[in-house]
């Protein structure tokens, strides 16, 4: 949930209703991380090509739902508890 957990911060910009972070991880991937009050939008790139894009919606302090394509993964305390498609 914390952008800095993904790697080294390169750029931080304010956007409408949130903050955009550009991050680089240990495997030289670039991460575009948009943080909003109730959700995050995250996209990983390698050599300018999108690898994966997902949205994390906060359900409570310890629960969130991750949406990848049309699949939903529910997490509690960092552990996946439910998967739906």
C-alpha atoms as a PDB file:
ATOM      1  CA  UNK A   1       0.000   0.000   0.000  1.00  0.00           C
ATOM      2  CA  UNK A   2       2.972   2.304   0.537  1.00  0.00           C
ATOM      3  CA  UNK A   3       4.629   3.435  -2.729  1.00  0.00           C
ATOM      4  CA  UNK A   4       8.119   3.318  -1.222  1.00  0.00           C
ATOM      5  CA  UNK A   5       7.670  -0.417  -0.485  1.00  0.00           C
ATOM      6  CA  UNK A   6       7.957  -0.988  -4.253  1.00  0.00           C
ATOM      7  CA  UNK A   7      11.433   0.513  -4.672  1.00  0.00           C
ATOM      8  CA  UNK A   8      13.378   3.764  -4.997  1.00  0.00           C
ATOM      9  CA  UNK A   9      11.390   6.965  -5.509  1.00  0.00           C
ATOM     10  CA  UNK A  10      12.356   8.775  -8.718  1.00  0.00           C
ATOM     11  CA  UNK A  11       9.650  11.457  -9.057  1.00  0.00           C
ATOM     12  CA  UNK A  12       6.640  12.547  -7.022  1.00  0.00           C
ATOM     13  CA  UNK A  13       3.879  14.767  -8.496  1.00  0.00           C
ATOM     14  CA  UNK A  14       0.501  15.991  -7.299  1.00  0.00           C
ATOM     15  CA  UNK A  15      -2.403  14.933  -9.511  1.00  0.00           C
ATOM     16  CA  UNK A  16      -6.164  15.493  -9.243  1.00  0.00           C
ATOM     17  CA  UNK A  17      -7.249  14.058  -5.883  1.00  0.00           C
ATOM     18  CA  UNK A  18      -3.955  12.237  -5.295  1.00  0.00           C
ATOM     19  CA  UNK A  19      -0.213  11.849  -5.759  1.00  0.00           C
ATOM     20  CA  UNK A  20       1.690  10.170  -8.600  1.00  0.00           C
ATOM     21  CA  UNK A  21       4.933   8.361  -7.789  1.00  0.00           C
ATOM     22  CA  UNK A  22       7.441   7.099 -10.339  1.00  0.00           C
ATOM     23  CA  UNK A  23       9.488   4.331  -8.719  1.00  0.00           C
ATOM     24  CA  UNK A  24      12.278   2.025  -9.848  1.00  0.00           C
ATOM     25  CA  UNK A  25      12.701  -1.410  -8.286  1.00  0.00           C
ATOM     26  CA  UNK A  26      15.719  -3.723  -7.931  1.00  0.00           C
ATOM     27  CA  UNK A  27      14.968  -5.484 -11.246  1.00  0.00           C
ATOM     28  CA  UNK A  28      15.111  -2.182 -13.194  1.00  0.00           C
ATOM     29  CA  UNK A  29      11.345  -2.054 -13.640  1.00  0.00           C
ATOM     30  CA  UNK A  30       9.646   1.336 -13.572  1.00  0.00           C
ATOM     31  CA  UNK A  31       6.457   1.586 -11.529  1.00  0.00           C
ATOM     32  CA  UNK A  32       3.798   4.224 -12.084  1.00  0.00           C
ATOM     33  CA  UNK A  33       1.974   4.452  -8.739  1.00  0.00           C
ATOM     34  CA  UNK A  34      -1.090   6.709  -8.332  1.00  0.00           C
ATOM     35  CA  UNK A  35      -2.176   7.052  -4.701  1.00  0.00           C
ATOM     36  CA  UNK A  36      -5.657   8.282  -3.830  1.00  0.00           C
ATOM     37  CA  UNK A  37      -7.618   8.371  -0.560  1.00  0.00           C
ATOM     38  CA  UNK A  38      -9.501   5.084  -1.060  1.00  0.00           C
ATOM     39  CA  UNK A  39      -7.466   3.265  -3.703  1.00  0.00           C
ATOM     40  CA  UNK A  40      -4.154   2.958  -5.563  1.00  0.00           C
ATOM     41  CA  UNK A  41      -3.525   2.408  -9.276  1.00  0.00           C
ATOM     42  CA  UNK A  42      -0.238   0.645 -10.040  1.00  0.00           C
ATOM     43  CA  UNK A  43       1.421  -0.215 -13.360  1.00  0.00           C
ATOM     44  CA  UNK A  44       4.778  -1.950 -13.881  1.00  0.00           C
ATOM     45  CA  UNK A  45       6.932  -1.276 -16.963  1.00  0.00           C
ATOM     46  CA  UNK A  46      10.087  -2.926 -18.311  1.00  0.00           C
ATOM     47  CA  UNK A  47      11.912  -1.157 -21.167  1.00  0.00           C
ATOM     48  CA  UNK A  48       8.813   1.008 -21.704  1.00  0.00           C
ATOM     49  CA  UNK A  49       6.458  -1.984 -22.083  1.00  0.00           C
ATOM     50  CA  UNK A  50       3.570  -2.422 -19.643  1.00  0.00           C
ATOM     51  CA  UNK A  51       3.889  -5.711 -17.752  1.00  0.00           C
ATOM     52  CA  UNK A  52       0.933  -5.554 -15.371  1.00  0.00           C
ATOM     53  CA  UNK A  53      -1.605  -2.999 -14.198  1.00  0.00           C
ATOM     54  CA  UNK A  54      -3.837  -3.294 -11.150  1.00  0.00           C
ATOM     55  CA  UNK A  55      -6.021  -1.320  -8.771  1.00  0.00           C
ATOM     56  CA  UNK A  56      -6.058  -1.776  -4.985  1.00  0.00           C
ATOM     57  CA  UNK A  57      -9.262  -0.663  -3.271  1.00  0.00           C
ATOM     58  CA  UNK A  58      -9.057  -0.184   0.492  1.00  0.00           C
ATOM     59  CA  UNK A  59     -11.858  -1.942   2.359  1.00  0.00           C
ATOM     60  CA  UNK A  60     -10.518  -1.270   5.872  1.00  0.00           C
ATOM     61  CA  UNK A  61      -7.165  -0.757   7.597  1.00  0.00           C
ATOM     62  CA  UNK A  62      -6.282  -4.443   7.220  1.00  0.00           C
ATOM     63  CA  UNK A  63      -8.312  -5.423   4.118  1.00  0.00           C
ATOM     64  CA  UNK A  64      -8.109  -4.524   0.448  1.00  0.00           C
ATOM     65  CA  UNK A  65      -9.289  -5.812  -2.916  1.00  0.00           C
ATOM     66  CA  UNK A  66      -6.859  -6.020  -5.862  1.00  0.00           C
ATOM     67  CA  UNK A  67      -8.374  -5.911  -9.338  1.00  0.00           C
ATOM     68  CA  UNK A  68      -6.274  -7.283 -12.211  1.00  0.00           C
ATOM     69  CA  UNK A  69      -8.194  -7.309 -15.499  1.00  0.00           C
ATOM     70  CA  UNK A  70     -11.622  -8.569 -14.372  1.00  0.00           C
ATOM     71  CA  UNK A  71     -10.296 -10.735 -11.556  1.00  0.00           C
ATOM     72  CA  UNK A  72     -10.662  -9.728  -7.902  1.00  0.00           C
ATOM     73  CA  UNK A  73      -8.296 -10.814  -5.150  1.00  0.00           C
ATOM     74  CA  UNK A  74      -9.216 -10.067  -1.536  1.00  0.00           C
ATOM     75  CA  UNK A  75      -6.475  -9.643   1.056  1.00  0.00           C
ATOM     76  CA  UNK A  76      -6.556  -9.437   4.835  1.00  0.00           C
ATOM     77  CA  UNK A  77      -3.420  -8.745   6.905  1.00  0.00           C
ATOM     78  CA  UNK A  78      -1.334  -9.172   3.736  1.00  0.00           C
ATOM     79  CA  UNK A  79      -2.677 -12.679   2.991  1.00  0.00           C
ATOM     80  CA  UNK A  80      -4.949 -13.537   0.072  1.00  0.00           C
ATOM     81  CA  UNK A  81      -8.250 -14.831   1.449  1.00  0.00           C
ATOM     82  CA  UNK A  82     -10.605 -14.920  -1.581  1.00  0.00           C
ATOM     83  CA  UNK A  83     -10.345 -14.920  -5.395  1.00  0.00           C
ATOM     84  CA  UNK A  84     -13.224 -14.209  -7.776  1.00  0.00           C
ATOM     85  CA  UNK A  85     -13.372 -13.864 -11.539  1.00  0.00           C
END
